[in-house]
Amino acid sequence: MIKIFFRFIDNHFDSSCRSCEVRFACHGECPKHRFLVSDQNEPRLNYFCTSYKKYFKHITPYMNMIKQLLRDGMPASKIKEISY
């Protein structure tokens, strides 16, 4: 059932969403927010797309630092000492 749901959802992304570098994080977001038209003139672009891209691009370096801290056996809270 879940595979069917995700296949249905995947078919309802516009092409810019399917090729987006931050899709792994937002997964196209909630379908109720997909009412804009993309630059390629396709329907179903998420209203929050631009904001999500900015947000996820901004936090990527910090998330990578946290990932490295955890791999090194340190607590994620150490990010506070590194990022200030």
C-alpha atoms as a PDB file:
ATOM      1  CA  MET A   1       0.000   0.000   0.000  1.00  0.00           C
ATOM      2  CA  ILE A   2       2.783   2.415   0.904  1.00  0.00           C
ATOM      3  CA  LYS A   3       4.624   1.718  -2.364  1.00  0.00           C
ATOM      4  CA  ILE A   4       1.447   2.524  -4.298  1.00  0.00           C
ATOM      5  CA  PHE A   5       1.035   5.780  -2.361  1.00  0.00           C
ATOM      6  CA  PHE A   6       4.603   6.918  -3.070  1.00  0.00           C
ATOM      7  CA  ARG A   7       4.338   5.929  -6.720  1.00  0.00           C
ATOM      8  CA  PHE A   8       1.167   8.046  -6.945  1.00  0.00           C
ATOM      9  CA  ILE A   9       2.851  10.983  -5.189  1.00  0.00           C
ATOM     10  CA  ASP A  10       5.976  10.702  -7.359  1.00  0.00           C
ATOM     11  CA  ASN A  11       3.874  10.941 -10.518  1.00  0.00           C
ATOM     12  CA  HIS A  12       2.400  14.194  -9.252  1.00  0.00           C
ATOM     13  CA  PHE A  13       5.654  16.157  -9.058  1.00  0.00           C
ATOM     14  CA  ASP A  14       6.546  18.645 -11.747  1.00  0.00           C
ATOM     15  CA  SER A  15       9.860  18.083 -13.552  1.00  0.00           C
ATOM     16  CA  SER A  16      11.688  20.776 -11.568  1.00  0.00           C
ATOM     17  CA  CYS A  17      10.759  18.955  -8.358  1.00  0.00           C
ATOM     18  CA  ARG A  18      11.869  15.571  -9.698  1.00  0.00           C
ATOM     19  CA  SER A  19      15.337  16.970 -10.450  1.00  0.00           C
ATOM     20  CA  CYS A  20      15.645  19.237  -7.392  1.00  0.00           C
ATOM     21  CA  GLU A  21      18.770  18.931  -5.229  1.00  0.00           C
ATOM     22  CA  VAL A  22      16.799  19.339  -1.969  1.00  0.00           C
ATOM     23  CA  ARG A  23      13.944  16.978  -2.782  1.00  0.00           C
ATOM     24  CA  PHE A  24      15.503  14.414  -0.425  1.00  0.00           C
ATOM     25  CA  ALA A  25      14.594  16.773   2.419  1.00  0.00           C
ATOM     26  CA  CYS A  26      11.142  18.085   1.498  1.00  0.00           C
ATOM     27  CA  HIS A  27       9.877  15.182  -0.694  1.00  0.00           C
ATOM     28  CA  GLY A  28       7.744  17.644  -2.602  1.00  0.00           C
ATOM     29  CA  GLU A  29       6.054  18.650   0.639  1.00  0.00           C
ATOM     30  CA  CYS A  30       2.310  18.367   1.146  1.00  0.00           C
ATOM     31  CA  PRO A  31       0.264  18.015  -2.069  1.00  0.00           C
ATOM     32  CA  LYS A  32      -2.159  20.693  -0.859  1.00  0.00           C
ATOM     33  CA  HIS A  33       0.647  23.260  -1.318  1.00  0.00           C
ATOM     34  CA  ARG A  34       1.369  22.299  -4.942  1.00  0.00           C
ATOM     35  CA  PHE A  35      -0.723  24.848  -6.766  1.00  0.00           C
ATOM     36  CA  LEU A  36       1.795  27.106  -8.505  1.00  0.00           C
ATOM     37  CA  VAL A  37       3.011  26.820 -12.089  1.00  0.00           C
ATOM     38  CA  SER A  38       6.742  26.145 -12.550  1.00  0.00           C
ATOM     39  CA  ASP A  39       9.187  27.976 -14.829  1.00  0.00           C
ATOM     40  CA  GLN A  40       8.616  25.163 -17.334  1.00  0.00           C
ATOM     41  CA  ASN A  41       4.914  26.057 -17.288  1.00  0.00           C
ATOM     42  CA  GLU A  42       3.984  22.860 -15.447  1.00  0.00           C
ATOM     43  CA  PRO A  43       1.367  22.719 -12.709  1.00  0.00           C
ATOM     44  CA  ARG A  44       1.957  21.315  -9.214  1.00  0.00           C
ATOM     45  CA  LEU A  45       4.903  23.438  -8.075  1.00  0.00           C
ATOM     46  CA  ASN A  46       4.965  23.738  -4.296  1.00  0.00           C
ATOM     47  CA  TYR A  47       4.166  27.174  -2.889  1.00  0.00           C
ATOM     48  CA  PHE A  48       7.087  26.880  -0.443  1.00  0.00           C
ATOM     49  CA  CYS A  49       9.614  25.603  -3.004  1.00  0.00           C
ATOM     50  CA  THR A  50      11.810  28.719  -3.133  1.00  0.00           C
ATOM     51  CA  SER A  51      11.855  29.030   0.646  1.00  0.00           C
ATOM     52  CA  TYR A  52      12.692  25.350   1.144  1.00  0.00           C
ATOM     53  CA  LYS A  53      15.567  25.586  -1.319  1.00  0.00           C
ATOM     54  CA  LYS A  54      17.024  28.592   0.508  1.00  0.00           C
ATOM     55  CA  TYR A  55      16.555  26.966   3.914  1.00  0.00           C
ATOM     56  CA  PHE A  56      18.016  23.569   3.031  1.00  0.00           C
ATOM     57  CA  LYS A  57      20.961  25.122   1.177  1.00  0.00           C
ATOM     58  CA  HIS A  58      21.626  27.306   4.231  1.00  0.00           C
ATOM     59  CA  ILE A  59      21.616  24.435   6.733  1.00  0.00           C
ATOM     60  CA  THR A  60      23.541  21.939   4.580  1.00  0.00           C
ATOM     61  CA  PRO A  61      27.022  22.888   5.876  1.00  0.00           C
ATOM     62  CA  TYR A  62      25.806  22.679   9.483  1.00  0.00           C
ATOM     63  CA  MET A  63      24.105  19.337   8.898  1.00  0.00           C
ATOM     64  CA  ASN A  64      27.315  18.035   7.312  1.00  0.00           C
ATOM     65  CA  MET A  65      29.264  19.186  10.372  1.00  0.00           C
ATOM     66  CA  ILE A  66      26.793  17.407  12.660  1.00  0.00           C
ATOM     67  CA  LYS A  67      27.072  14.278  10.541  1.00  0.00           C
ATOM     68  CA  GLN A  68      30.866  14.370  10.893  1.00  0.00           C
ATOM     69  CA  LEU A  69      30.640  14.950  14.651  1.00  0.00           C
ATOM     70  CA  LEU A  70      28.398  11.906  15.021  1.00  0.00           C
ATOM     71  CA  ARG A  71      30.723   9.807  12.859  1.00  0.00           C
ATOM     72  CA  ASP A  72      33.606  10.865  15.100  1.00  0.00           C
ATOM     73  CA  GLY A  73      31.667   9.715  18.168  1.00  0.00           C
ATOM     74  CA  MET A  74      30.956  13.214  19.448  1.00  0.00           C
ATOM     75  CA  PRO A  75      27.562  14.604  20.454  1.00  0.00           C
ATOM     76  CA  ALA A  76      25.680  16.694  17.902  1.00  0.00           C
ATOM     77  CA  SER A  77      25.482  19.493  20.489  1.00  0.00           C
ATOM     78  CA  LYS A  78      29.173  20.206  19.804  1.00  0.00           C
ATOM     79  CA  ILE A  79      27.954  22.093  16.714  1.00  0.00           C
ATOM     80  CA  LYS A  80      27.249  25.053  19.005  1.00  0.00           C
ATOM     81  CA  GLU A  81      30.950  25.405  19.791  1.00  0.00           C
ATOM     82  CA  ILE A  82      32.010  25.064  16.160  1.00  0.00           C
ATOM     83  CA  SER A  83      29.454  27.269  14.416  1.00  0.00           C
ATOM     84  CA  TYR A  84      29.758  30.415  16.522  1.00  0.00           C
END
